[in-house]
């Protein structure tokens, strides 16, 4: 009879079919789901049972390490290959197929910079200076209610857009916190010079309405653009980092976002009309976390009017039982990008629930007591801990199973990460797979009020069993679950702009 430990190991590494979906009725959705599980199955291999030739092939690809003639059975994060891939925009011209992404320059910069930062491999200072100049060229001024405002467009000469402004500010925040003083100052000065213009522009994007005597307010993605919860998150994330968030921007926003929660439990893009979606749920939760951090009368998502029980149920059911990654909606397929969009929501939900005695049993209770140099506690200080083989982590998802999906199914052996094995790599999926991997490796414990405000009062905790493989080289820097830049970067930029006068 198999032991409990054997059962756990078969769950994570033996490629068992025991957890595959079973369908009483065959439909197009069930057939595609079965096909996706079959697509992933060959990657869930039991390394020790492989023949020497297969192991040698994996060593050649970098998926396994050989030392002193012995091949380790631990799957590797292909750090050097991912670094080389993410550096492509800065080392050589991109191919012609990228013309269609000409309006996404700040996104490409953010996706690749954040990936490199998580891997501790930012470009050289000369390249970072060029990046700052490129982002500055994307900034456009615009008339906003008789005042001059502005934001970052998708490329030179394009109108300001909330999404590309979010990407540009995140990228500049990463650079502002780097160790190169010259380019760090360039990034800070650029952000400082645009604060008032951004504030005026954001005020002009407010879309207010009165319902049952209450003010509710969403934001447009750009002038004459769509109103959805992405815009609210993008606006509040930038405003929180740059210390330009105030009551005029906040008023009515919480009520609007809460109306986006659907009967399923997750959030859609607009009030009452759309299906719950992993990306919108992340944006809604992060926006509400920032609001909780700003308002003194709020302490948790439930105080905002969120049905947290329904939200929790919807989120945890997005993890696929066989593949281990997340889907974005009910009855959809696994996709590596939701490793962060849903994984980040799981991390925020864990912080929110950490304050509730009802759910304290979800925490392992075993944490590191060694603070790092910013007053936070790092996950997994003892990378050789014998406790690593435990099945559960500190979040409301199977963290090890998620990491297994990223390491085995989402990695391209040539560098970069992807949606699923049949899909090509790209910068977007590289960024969000790595972000999700980081979020699953690190448990951030803080009062929800502090999470949306500053991470200085929070701490990264060391859960006893959050790692899929006992491999220190697979550990990424921790990403902040609200802003999705490294925790150090978020702390540094927030601390800097808190010293400046709020607009």
Protein backbone atom coordinates (compact mmCIF):
# COMPACT_ATOMS: atom_id res chain seq x y z
CA UNK A 1 0.00 0.00 0.00
CA UNK A 2 1.41 3.40 -1.01
CA UNK A 3 2.34 5.79 1.78
CA UNK A 4 0.98 9.33 2.04
CA UNK A 5 4.38 10.64 0.96
CA UNK A 6 4.35 8.41 -2.12
CA UNK A 7 0.87 9.68 -2.98
CA UNK A 8 2.05 13.29 -2.73
CA UNK A 9 5.04 12.60 -4.95
CA UNK A 10 2.89 10.85 -7.56
CA UNK A 11 0.60 13.86 -7.50
CA UNK A 12 3.45 16.20 -8.39
CA UNK A 13 5.90 14.30 -10.53
CA UNK A 14 4.85 10.88 -11.75
CA UNK A 15 2.50 11.96 -14.51
CA UNK A 16 -0.43 10.01 -13.10
CA UNK A 17 -3.76 10.15 -14.95
CA UNK A 18 -5.65 9.78 -11.70
CA UNK A 19 -6.59 13.46 -11.55
CA UNK A 20 -7.72 13.90 -15.14
CA UNK A 21 -11.18 15.27 -15.84
CA UNK A 22 -14.05 12.83 -16.24
CA UNK A 23 -17.07 13.84 -18.30
CA UNK A 24 -20.47 12.14 -18.45
CA UNK A 25 -21.46 14.07 -21.57
CA UNK A 26 -19.13 14.90 -24.44
CA UNK A 27 -19.25 18.48 -25.71
CA UNK A 28 -16.86 20.72 -27.61
CA UNK A 29 -15.66 22.15 -24.28
CA UNK A 30 -15.01 18.74 -22.72
CA UNK A 31 -13.20 17.51 -25.83
CA UNK A 32 -10.89 20.54 -25.86
CA UNK A 33 -10.27 20.15 -22.12
CA UNK A 34 -9.36 16.48 -22.58
CA UNK A 35 -7.07 17.42 -25.47
CA UNK A 36 -5.31 20.01 -23.31
CA UNK A 37 -4.78 17.53 -20.48
CA UNK A 38 -3.36 15.02 -22.98
CA UNK A 39 -1.10 17.77 -24.33
CA UNK A 40 0.31 18.40 -20.84
CA UNK A 41 0.59 14.76 -19.78
CA UNK A 42 3.96 13.98 -21.47
CA UNK A 43 5.55 16.83 -19.50
CA UNK A 44 4.54 15.34 -16.13
CA UNK A 45 7.32 12.81 -16.09
CA UNK A 46 8.87 10.94 -13.19
CA UNK A 47 12.52 11.90 -13.69
CA UNK A 48 14.15 9.03 -11.73
CA UNK A 49 12.39 6.47 -13.93
CA UNK A 50 13.75 7.91 -17.18
CA UNK A 51 16.43 6.04 -19.10
CA UNK A 52 19.97 7.55 -19.15
CA UNK A 53 19.59 8.81 -22.72
CA UNK A 54 16.43 10.79 -21.89
CA UNK A 55 18.07 12.26 -18.81
CA UNK A 56 21.09 13.27 -20.89
CA UNK A 57 18.78 15.04 -23.35
CA UNK A 58 17.21 17.01 -20.49
CA UNK A 59 20.67 17.94 -19.23
CA UNK A 60 21.58 19.17 -22.71
CA UNK A 61 18.45 21.34 -22.76
CA UNK A 62 19.22 22.71 -19.31
CA UNK A 63 16.14 21.20 -17.66
CA UNK A 64 18.32 19.03 -15.41
CA UNK A 65 21.73 19.63 -13.83
CA UNK A 66 24.68 17.27 -13.84
CA UNK A 67 27.29 17.56 -11.11
CA UNK A 68 30.20 15.22 -10.44
CA UNK A 69 28.78 12.73 -12.91
CA UNK A 70 25.41 12.62 -11.14
CA UNK A 71 22.22 13.92 -12.76
CA UNK A 72 19.90 15.69 -10.35
CA UNK A 73 16.20 14.78 -10.79
CA UNK A 74 15.12 18.36 -10.02
CA UNK A 75 13.62 20.37 -12.89
CA UNK A 76 15.43 23.67 -13.44
CA UNK A 77 14.16 27.15 -14.16
CA UNK A 78 15.99 28.06 -17.38
CA UNK A 79 17.23 31.35 -15.97
CA UNK A 80 19.97 32.14 -18.49
CA UNK A 81 17.77 31.31 -21.47
CA UNK A 82 14.89 33.38 -20.11
CA UNK A 83 17.27 36.28 -19.50
CA UNK A 84 18.56 36.08 -23.06
CA UNK A 85 15.01 35.97 -24.43
CA UNK A 86 13.75 38.89 -22.32
CA UNK A 87 16.79 40.94 -23.37
CA UNK A 88 15.96 40.64 -27.07
CA UNK A 89 14.34 44.10 -27.38
CA UNK A 90 17.56 45.65 -26.05
CA UNK A 91 20.16 43.61 -27.92
CA UNK A 92 18.83 43.31 -31.48
CA UNK A 93 16.01 44.61 -33.71
CA UNK A 94 12.72 42.79 -33.22
CA UNK A 95 11.38 40.85 -36.24
CA UNK A 96 8.82 42.36 -38.60
CA UNK A 97 5.96 40.50 -36.94
CA UNK A 98 6.25 42.91 -34.01
CA UNK A 99 4.96 45.80 -36.15
CA UNK A 100 1.48 44.95 -34.88
CA UNK A 101 2.72 45.74 -31.36
CA UNK A 102 4.00 49.20 -32.26
CA UNK A 103 1.29 50.67 -30.01
CA UNK A 104 2.46 48.51 -27.10
CA UNK A 105 6.02 49.76 -26.60
CA UNK A 106 5.59 50.52 -22.86
CA UNK A 107 4.09 47.06 -22.40
CA UNK A 108 6.99 45.32 -24.12
CA UNK A 109 9.40 47.31 -21.96
CA UNK A 110 7.50 46.50 -18.76
CA UNK A 111 7.01 42.80 -19.56
CA UNK A 112 10.69 42.29 -20.31
CA UNK A 113 12.10 44.56 -17.58
CA UNK A 114 9.95 42.97 -14.88
CA UNK A 115 10.93 39.49 -16.08
CA UNK A 116 14.60 40.43 -15.97
CA UNK A 117 14.19 42.06 -12.56
CA UNK A 118 12.59 38.94 -11.08
CA UNK A 119 15.56 37.01 -12.46
CA UNK A 120 17.99 39.59 -11.02
CA UNK A 121 19.33 40.44 -14.46
CA UNK A 122 18.41 44.01 -15.39
CA UNK A 123 20.12 45.41 -18.52
CA UNK A 124 23.24 47.55 -18.30
CA UNK A 125 22.89 51.23 -17.39
CA UNK A 126 23.40 52.41 -20.97
CA UNK A 127 20.43 50.34 -22.13
CA UNK A 128 18.32 51.49 -19.18
CA UNK A 129 19.02 55.12 -20.11
CA UNK A 130 17.75 54.43 -23.63
CA UNK A 131 14.63 52.82 -22.14
CA UNK A 132 13.88 55.91 -20.05
CA UNK A 133 14.27 58.09 -23.14
CA UNK A 134 11.99 55.80 -25.15
CA UNK A 135 9.30 55.97 -22.48
CA UNK A 136 9.61 59.74 -22.23
CA UNK A 137 8.98 59.95 -25.98
CA UNK A 138 5.70 58.05 -25.47
CA UNK A 139 4.33 60.71 -23.11
CA UNK A 140 1.66 62.93 -24.65
CA UNK A 141 0.00 66.05 -23.26
CA UNK A 142 -3.70 66.66 -23.76
CA UNK A 143 -6.26 69.28 -22.78
CA UNK A 144 -8.26 68.10 -19.75
CA UNK A 145 -11.16 70.23 -18.48
CA UNK A 146 -9.37 73.52 -19.15
CA UNK A 147 -6.15 72.17 -17.64
CA UNK A 148 -3.16 70.56 -19.27
CA UNK A 149 -2.88 66.86 -18.56
CA UNK A 150 -1.19 63.87 -20.05
CA UNK A 151 -0.20 60.23 -19.94
CA UNK A 152 1.87 57.65 -21.75
CA UNK A 153 0.64 56.44 -25.12
CA UNK A 154 1.48 53.18 -26.82
CA UNK A 155 4.20 54.78 -28.93
CA UNK A 156 5.46 58.16 -30.11
CA UNK A 157 2.64 60.51 -31.09
CA UNK A 158 -0.20 58.35 -29.74
CA UNK A 159 -2.89 59.48 -27.31
CA UNK A 160 -2.51 58.77 -23.57
CA UNK A 161 -3.97 55.44 -22.45
CA UNK A 162 -4.43 54.08 -18.93
CA UNK A 163 -2.95 50.68 -19.74
CA UNK A 164 0.25 51.92 -21.37
CA UNK A 165 0.61 54.57 -18.65
CA UNK A 166 0.44 51.81 -16.02
CA UNK A 167 3.08 49.82 -17.91
CA UNK A 168 5.36 52.86 -18.35
CA UNK A 169 5.16 53.90 -14.69
CA UNK A 170 5.84 50.34 -13.54
CA UNK A 171 8.86 50.14 -15.84
CA UNK A 172 10.17 53.49 -14.61
CA UNK A 173 9.61 52.39 -11.01
CA UNK A 174 11.74 49.32 -11.65
CA UNK A 175 14.52 51.48 -13.08
CA UNK A 176 14.15 54.06 -10.29
CA UNK A 177 15.00 51.39 -7.76
CA UNK A 178 18.00 49.92 -9.56
CA UNK A 179 21.57 50.25 -8.36
CA UNK A 180 22.70 52.61 -11.16
CA UNK A 181 22.48 56.13 -9.74
CA UNK A 182 22.46 58.00 -13.07
CA UNK A 183 19.56 56.17 -14.69
CA UNK A 184 17.73 55.84 -11.39
CA UNK A 185 17.75 59.64 -11.11
CA UNK A 186 16.58 59.94 -14.72
CA UNK A 187 13.57 57.72 -14.03
CA UNK A 188 12.67 59.52 -10.79
CA UNK A 189 12.96 62.95 -12.43
CA UNK A 190 10.74 61.87 -15.31
CA UNK A 191 8.07 60.57 -12.93
CA UNK A 192 8.28 63.70 -10.79
CA UNK A 193 7.86 65.95 -13.81
CA UNK A 194 4.69 64.17 -14.96
CA UNK A 195 2.79 63.83 -11.66
CA UNK A 196 0.55 66.89 -12.05
CA UNK A 197 -0.17 66.16 -15.71
CA UNK A 198 -1.13 62.59 -14.84
CA UNK A 199 -3.37 63.78 -12.02
CA UNK A 200 -5.25 66.24 -14.25
CA UNK A 201 -5.67 63.62 -16.95
CA UNK A 202 -6.98 61.00 -14.53
CA UNK A 203 -9.58 63.44 -13.18
CA UNK A 204 -10.81 63.96 -16.74
CA UNK A 205 -11.31 60.20 -17.20
CA UNK A 206 -13.84 59.89 -14.38
CA UNK A 207 -17.28 58.64 -15.48
CA UNK A 208 -19.70 59.43 -12.67
CA UNK A 209 -23.29 58.29 -12.24
CA UNK A 210 -25.90 58.45 -9.49
CA UNK A 211 -27.74 55.25 -8.56
CA UNK A 212 -30.30 55.21 -5.74
CA UNK A 213 -28.89 58.49 -4.51
CA UNK A 214 -25.32 57.16 -4.32
CA UNK A 215 -22.35 58.38 -6.37
CA UNK A 216 -20.62 55.66 -8.38
CA UNK A 217 -17.65 56.28 -10.62
CA UNK A 218 -15.69 54.27 -13.12
CA UNK A 219 -12.78 55.41 -15.28
CA UNK A 220 -12.31 55.46 -19.03
CA UNK A 221 -9.22 53.84 -20.51
CA UNK A 222 -8.70 56.99 -22.59
CA UNK A 223 -10.78 59.97 -23.69
CA UNK A 224 -13.92 58.59 -25.38
CA UNK A 225 -12.74 55.08 -24.52
CA UNK A 226 -14.38 52.19 -22.71
CA UNK A 227 -15.18 52.20 -19.00
CA UNK A 228 -14.11 49.05 -17.20
CA UNK A 229 -12.41 47.92 -14.02
CA UNK A 230 -8.99 47.72 -15.69
CA UNK A 231 -8.94 51.50 -15.89
CA UNK A 232 -9.76 51.90 -12.19
CA UNK A 233 -6.88 49.61 -11.26
CA UNK A 234 -4.40 51.23 -13.66
CA UNK A 235 -5.29 54.71 -12.38
CA UNK A 236 -5.10 53.79 -8.69
CA UNK A 237 -1.88 51.78 -9.04
CA UNK A 238 -0.06 54.72 -10.65
CA UNK A 239 -1.57 57.22 -8.21
CA UNK A 240 -0.59 55.14 -5.19
CA UNK A 241 3.00 54.72 -6.38
CA UNK A 242 3.38 58.43 -7.19
CA UNK A 243 1.45 59.73 -4.15
CA UNK A 244 -1.21 61.55 -6.16
CA UNK A 245 -4.18 59.54 -4.90
CA UNK A 246 -6.74 61.67 -3.09
CA UNK A 247 -10.43 61.86 -2.17
CA UNK A 248 -11.36 63.44 -5.50
CA UNK A 249 -10.07 60.38 -7.36
CA UNK A 250 -11.35 57.82 -4.83
CA UNK A 251 -14.95 59.00 -4.43
CA UNK A 252 -17.50 56.64 -5.95
CA UNK A 253 -14.86 54.19 -7.20
CA UNK A 254 -15.32 51.54 -4.51
CA UNK A 255 -19.06 51.38 -5.14
CA UNK A 256 -18.47 51.02 -8.89
CA UNK A 257 -15.93 48.22 -8.48
CA UNK A 258 -18.10 46.28 -6.01
CA UNK A 259 -20.95 46.38 -8.54
CA UNK A 260 -18.66 44.47 -10.92
CA UNK A 261 -18.79 41.35 -8.71
CA UNK A 262 -20.97 38.76 -10.44
CA UNK A 263 -23.25 36.06 -9.07
CA UNK A 264 -20.37 33.60 -9.65
CA UNK A 265 -18.18 35.37 -7.09
CA UNK A 266 -15.48 36.79 -9.33
CA UNK A 267 -15.48 40.19 -10.99
CA UNK A 268 -16.38 41.20 -14.52
CA UNK A 269 -15.25 44.29 -16.38
CA UNK A 270 -18.44 46.28 -15.92
CA UNK A 271 -21.27 46.37 -13.37
CA UNK A 272 -23.93 43.66 -13.64
CA UNK A 273 -23.38 42.79 -17.30
CA UNK A 274 -20.27 40.65 -17.81
CA UNK A 275 -18.90 37.23 -16.90
CA UNK A 276 -16.44 36.83 -14.03
CA UNK A 277 -12.88 36.79 -15.40
CA UNK A 278 -9.47 36.24 -13.83
CA UNK A 279 -7.93 39.43 -15.20
CA UNK A 280 -10.83 41.64 -14.18
CA UNK A 281 -10.97 39.95 -10.78
CA UNK A 282 -7.32 40.78 -10.19
CA UNK A 283 -7.86 44.41 -11.25
CA UNK A 284 -10.94 44.77 -9.04
CA UNK A 285 -9.26 43.24 -5.99
CA UNK A 286 -6.07 45.28 -6.41
CA UNK A 287 -8.06 48.51 -6.84
CA UNK A 288 -10.05 47.73 -3.70
CA UNK A 289 -6.86 46.90 -1.78
CA UNK A 290 -5.53 50.34 -2.69
CA UNK A 291 -8.79 51.95 -1.59
CA UNK A 292 -8.65 50.02 1.71
CA UNK A 293 -5.11 51.32 2.19
CA UNK A 294 -6.22 54.91 1.59
CA UNK A 295 -9.44 55.07 3.61
CA UNK A 296 -9.12 55.02 7.39
CA UNK A 297 -12.61 53.55 7.85
CA UNK A 298 -11.85 50.34 5.92
CA UNK A 299 -9.75 47.34 6.94
CA UNK A 300 -10.66 44.48 4.59
CA UNK A 301 -12.43 43.62 1.35
CA UNK A 302 -15.58 42.70 3.26
CA UNK A 303 -15.75 46.28 4.56
CA UNK A 304 -16.06 47.42 0.94
CA UNK A 305 -19.16 45.30 0.40
CA UNK A 306 -17.44 42.39 -1.38
CA UNK A 307 -18.95 38.92 -0.93
CA UNK A 308 -15.63 37.42 0.15
CA UNK A 309 -16.98 33.88 0.56
CA UNK A 310 -18.23 33.81 -3.03
CA UNK A 311 -15.01 35.44 -4.24
CA UNK A 312 -12.88 32.86 -2.45
CA UNK A 313 -14.88 29.97 -3.90
CA UNK A 314 -14.68 31.32 -7.43
CA UNK A 315 -10.94 31.95 -7.23
CA UNK A 316 -9.94 28.55 -5.83
CA UNK A 317 -12.00 26.75 -8.48
CA UNK A 318 -9.92 28.36 -11.23
CA UNK A 319 -6.99 26.04 -10.51
CA UNK A 320 -7.05 23.04 -12.82
CA UNK A 321 -6.88 19.76 -10.94
CA UNK A 322 -4.67 17.96 -13.44
CA UNK A 323 -2.61 20.65 -15.16
CA UNK A 324 -2.08 22.67 -11.97
CA UNK A 325 -2.22 26.07 -13.67
CA UNK A 326 -5.17 28.45 -13.65
CA UNK A 327 -7.97 29.05 -16.12
CA UNK A 328 -9.33 32.57 -16.54
CA UNK A 329 -13.03 31.72 -16.59
CA UNK A 330 -15.30 28.78 -15.87
CA UNK A 331 -15.14 26.05 -18.54
CA UNK A 332 -12.05 27.55 -20.17
CA UNK A 333 -8.57 26.11 -20.64
CA UNK A 334 -5.47 26.52 -18.53
CA UNK A 335 -3.26 29.46 -19.55
CA UNK A 336 0.13 30.35 -18.10
CA UNK A 337 -0.66 34.08 -17.88
CA UNK A 338 -3.28 33.37 -15.21
CA UNK A 339 -0.46 32.10 -13.01
CA UNK A 340 -0.34 35.74 -11.99
CA UNK A 341 -3.77 37.18 -12.81
CA UNK A 342 -5.44 34.54 -10.66
CA UNK A 343 -2.34 33.70 -8.61
CA UNK A 344 -1.97 37.35 -7.63
CA UNK A 345 -5.63 37.40 -6.63
CA UNK A 346 -4.99 34.33 -4.48
CA UNK A 347 -2.09 36.15 -2.81
CA UNK A 348 -4.23 39.22 -2.09
CA UNK A 349 -7.05 37.04 -0.80
CA UNK A 350 -4.56 35.32 1.50
CA UNK A 351 -3.55 38.66 2.99
CA UNK A 352 -7.19 39.65 3.42
CA UNK A 353 -8.03 36.33 5.09
CA UNK A 354 -4.89 36.40 7.24
CA UNK A 355 -6.67 38.90 9.47
CA UNK A 356 -9.72 36.66 9.97
CA UNK A 357 -9.58 34.07 12.75
CA UNK A 358 -12.06 32.02 10.74
CA UNK A 359 -9.39 31.17 8.18
CA UNK A 360 -6.18 31.01 10.21
CA UNK A 361 -6.03 27.25 9.68
CA UNK A 362 -5.01 27.94 6.08
CA UNK A 363 -1.66 29.29 7.29
CA UNK A 364 1.08 26.81 8.07
CA UNK A 365 2.15 28.77 11.15
CA UNK A 366 5.82 28.10 10.46
CA UNK A 367 7.63 31.25 9.37
CA UNK A 368 11.13 32.60 9.13
CA UNK A 369 12.09 35.13 11.78
CA UNK A 370 15.04 36.52 9.86
CA UNK A 371 14.26 40.03 8.55
CA UNK A 372 15.93 41.24 5.40
CA UNK A 373 17.38 44.67 4.74
CA UNK A 374 14.04 46.40 4.18
CA UNK A 375 12.40 45.14 7.32
CA UNK A 376 10.53 42.36 5.56
CA UNK A 377 10.85 38.64 6.00
CA UNK A 378 11.96 36.59 3.04
CA UNK A 379 10.40 33.36 2.00
CA UNK A 380 12.46 30.23 2.13
CA UNK A 381 15.56 31.54 3.87
CA UNK A 382 16.66 27.95 4.41
CA UNK A 383 16.63 26.65 0.87
CA UNK A 384 17.59 23.18 2.06
CA UNK A 385 14.78 22.85 4.58
CA UNK A 386 13.62 19.28 5.01
CA UNK A 387 10.10 20.66 5.38
CA UNK A 388 9.94 21.37 1.67
CA UNK A 389 8.26 18.06 0.89
CA UNK A 390 5.01 18.94 2.66
CA UNK A 391 1.99 19.10 0.40
CA UNK A 392 0.35 22.41 1.31
CA UNK A 393 1.54 25.99 1.22
CA UNK A 394 0.27 29.15 2.86
CA UNK A 395 -2.14 30.26 0.11
CA UNK A 396 -5.57 29.03 -0.92
CA UNK A 397 -4.23 27.17 -3.92
CA UNK A 398 -1.85 24.29 -4.47
CA UNK A 399 1.31 26.35 -4.84
CA UNK A 400 3.49 23.39 -5.76
CA UNK A 401 1.09 22.23 -8.46
CA UNK A 402 1.05 25.73 -9.97
CA UNK A 403 4.85 25.84 -9.98
CA UNK A 404 4.92 22.43 -11.61
CA UNK A 405 2.82 23.79 -14.48
CA UNK A 406 5.09 26.79 -14.98
CA UNK A 407 8.32 24.79 -14.81
CA UNK A 408 7.23 21.78 -16.86
CA UNK A 409 4.56 23.05 -19.28
CA UNK A 410 5.12 26.79 -19.66
CA UNK A 411 8.89 26.90 -20.17
CA UNK A 412 10.16 26.99 -23.73
CA UNK A 413 13.47 25.12 -23.84
CA UNK A 414 14.88 27.91 -26.02
CA UNK A 415 13.99 30.56 -23.45
CA UNK A 416 10.81 32.46 -22.69
CA UNK A 417 7.52 31.13 -21.38
CA UNK A 418 4.16 30.39 -22.98
CA UNK A 419 0.44 29.80 -22.52
CA UNK A 420 0.62 26.00 -22.80
CA UNK A 421 2.94 23.49 -24.55
CA UNK A 422 1.29 23.89 -27.97
CA UNK A 423 1.61 27.70 -27.95
CA UNK A 424 4.63 29.86 -28.84
CA UNK A 425 6.57 31.85 -26.27
CA UNK A 426 6.06 35.60 -26.02
CA UNK A 427 7.04 38.48 -23.74
CA UNK A 428 3.56 38.74 -22.20
CA UNK A 429 3.42 35.11 -21.06
CA UNK A 430 7.05 35.24 -19.97
CA UNK A 431 6.25 38.14 -17.64
CA UNK A 432 3.09 36.72 -16.11
CA UNK A 433 4.31 33.13 -15.78
CA UNK A 434 7.35 34.39 -13.88
CA UNK A 435 5.19 36.76 -11.83
CA UNK A 436 2.88 33.90 -10.89
CA UNK A 437 5.83 31.68 -10.06
CA UNK A 438 7.17 34.40 -7.76
CA UNK A 439 3.78 34.97 -6.11
CA UNK A 440 3.48 31.24 -5.41
CA UNK A 441 6.96 31.09 -3.87
CA UNK A 442 6.46 33.98 -1.45
CA UNK A 443 3.74 34.60 1.11
CA UNK A 444 3.24 38.28 1.91
CA UNK A 445 1.64 38.76 5.30
CA UNK A 446 0.34 42.21 6.12
CA UNK A 447 -2.82 43.96 7.16
CA UNK A 448 -4.87 44.55 3.99
CA UNK A 449 -4.71 48.26 4.84
CA UNK A 450 -0.92 48.19 4.47
CA UNK A 451 -0.91 46.08 1.32
CA UNK A 452 -2.59 48.75 -0.78
CA UNK A 453 -0.71 51.56 0.93
CA UNK A 454 2.90 50.56 1.45
CA UNK A 455 4.72 47.30 1.93
CA UNK A 456 6.96 48.71 4.62
CA UNK A 457 4.72 47.43 7.38
CA UNK A 458 4.29 44.01 5.82
CA UNK A 459 6.53 41.00 5.81
CA UNK A 460 7.38 38.17 3.50
CA UNK A 461 6.86 34.96 5.38
CA UNK A 462 8.52 31.63 4.93
CA UNK A 463 5.88 28.96 4.57
CA UNK A 464 7.14 25.47 5.23
CA UNK A 465 6.04 24.00 1.93
CA UNK A 466 5.62 26.41 -0.95
CA UNK A 467 8.26 25.07 -3.35
CA UNK A 468 7.65 22.48 -6.05
CA UNK A 469 11.33 21.51 -6.17
CA UNK A 470 14.02 21.83 -3.52
CA UNK A 471 16.15 24.04 -5.79
CA UNK A 472 17.46 27.43 -4.62
CA UNK A 473 18.24 28.52 -8.20
CA UNK A 474 14.53 28.32 -9.06
CA UNK A 475 13.64 31.02 -6.54
CA UNK A 476 12.70 34.40 -8.00
CA UNK A 477 12.64 37.76 -6.30
CA UNK A 478 9.25 38.44 -4.68
CA UNK A 479 6.75 40.43 -6.70
CA UNK A 480 4.21 42.69 -5.04
CA UNK A 481 0.73 41.18 -5.55
CA UNK A 482 -0.93 44.59 -6.03
CA UNK A 483 1.54 46.44 -8.29
CA UNK A 484 3.37 43.47 -9.84
CA UNK A 485 6.83 44.91 -9.56
CA UNK A 486 9.43 43.62 -7.14
CA UNK A 487 8.55 44.32 -3.51
CA UNK A 488 11.79 46.30 -3.09
CA UNK A 489 10.93 48.47 -6.10
CA UNK A 490 7.42 49.21 -4.84
CA UNK A 491 8.73 50.14 -1.40
CA UNK A 492 11.43 52.39 -2.81
CA UNK A 493 9.21 54.38 -5.17
CA UNK A 494 6.38 54.72 -2.63
CA UNK A 495 8.85 55.89 0.02
CA UNK A 496 10.35 58.46 -2.34
CA UNK A 497 7.07 60.02 -3.43
CA UNK A 498 5.62 60.02 0.07
CA UNK A 499 8.27 62.64 0.85
CA UNK A 500 6.79 64.93 -1.81
CA UNK A 501 3.70 67.04 -1.34
CA UNK A 502 0.49 65.29 -2.34
CA UNK A 503 -1.35 67.02 -5.17
